[in-house]
């Protein structure tokens, strides 16, 4: 989760401060001046994923792939590594919790694939 947080922080820093992101509507790289931080707007994408229509909201969708990747990696560590996640602290039912995290990772990966396919369809 630390790597996910750092990756998201670097993406936001790249989009806002450094070189920016490519905006296909104006066909150039630009910095994101005011990213969407409203949790209601971000949460609303769960019901209509294809409605991302600006670069400010796109920063959220890029993080879905990173979130899915880190969910799969952390499930492996939490499920099988008893040195880092000892049974004495996390209990023997930690596999049930990692299964829930795995399915949330699948949901995040599906959201990323959905956004990527919609972006490719809109481009052509």
Foldseek 3Di string as FASTA:
>chain_A
DVVLVVVLVVLLCCQAPNFHAQWPVVGGGDHDPAADPDVVVLVVCVVPVLPPDGPSPVSSLVSLLVLLVVLVVVLVCQVPPCVVVPCVVCNPCVNVVSVVSNVVSVVSVVSNVVNVVSVVVVVD
